[in-house]
Amino acid sequence: MRKRFSLRTTLTTGPEPDWDPCRPAPDEPVRDCCRPAVVRAYREMREKSQPERFAYEAALTVYRWHHPEVPAPMAQQVVSGWVWTGTRH
C-alpha cells in the first residue's frame, strides 16, 4: 500500500527515500510526470525577464528534486530538451 504524501513533511524533511513522484507503483514504468513543473519553472522565470541561464537552472533544480538518482549530465540533457527551442550549441 502506498504511503500518504504529506506536503508539510516533504517541505521540512524532503521526500521519503522510497517515494518517487514519477513512479506510482514499483511495477509501473517511470514517466515524465515532472515535465509540466520543469517547463513551468522555466517559462515563468523567462516571463519575469530573468536571464535564460537562471531559468534553466531553476528548471534543472525542479527536475533534480524529482529525480535525484539521475546523473547530472543526463538531467541537463533531459531538461534542455524540454525547455530550449531553436539552435543548441
Foldseek 3Di string as FASTA:
>chain_A
DDDDDDPVCCVVPNDDPVDAPQAPDPVDDGDVVCLVVLQVQLVVCVVVVHDNVVSLVRSLVSQCSRPVPDDPVVSSVVSCVSHDDDDDD
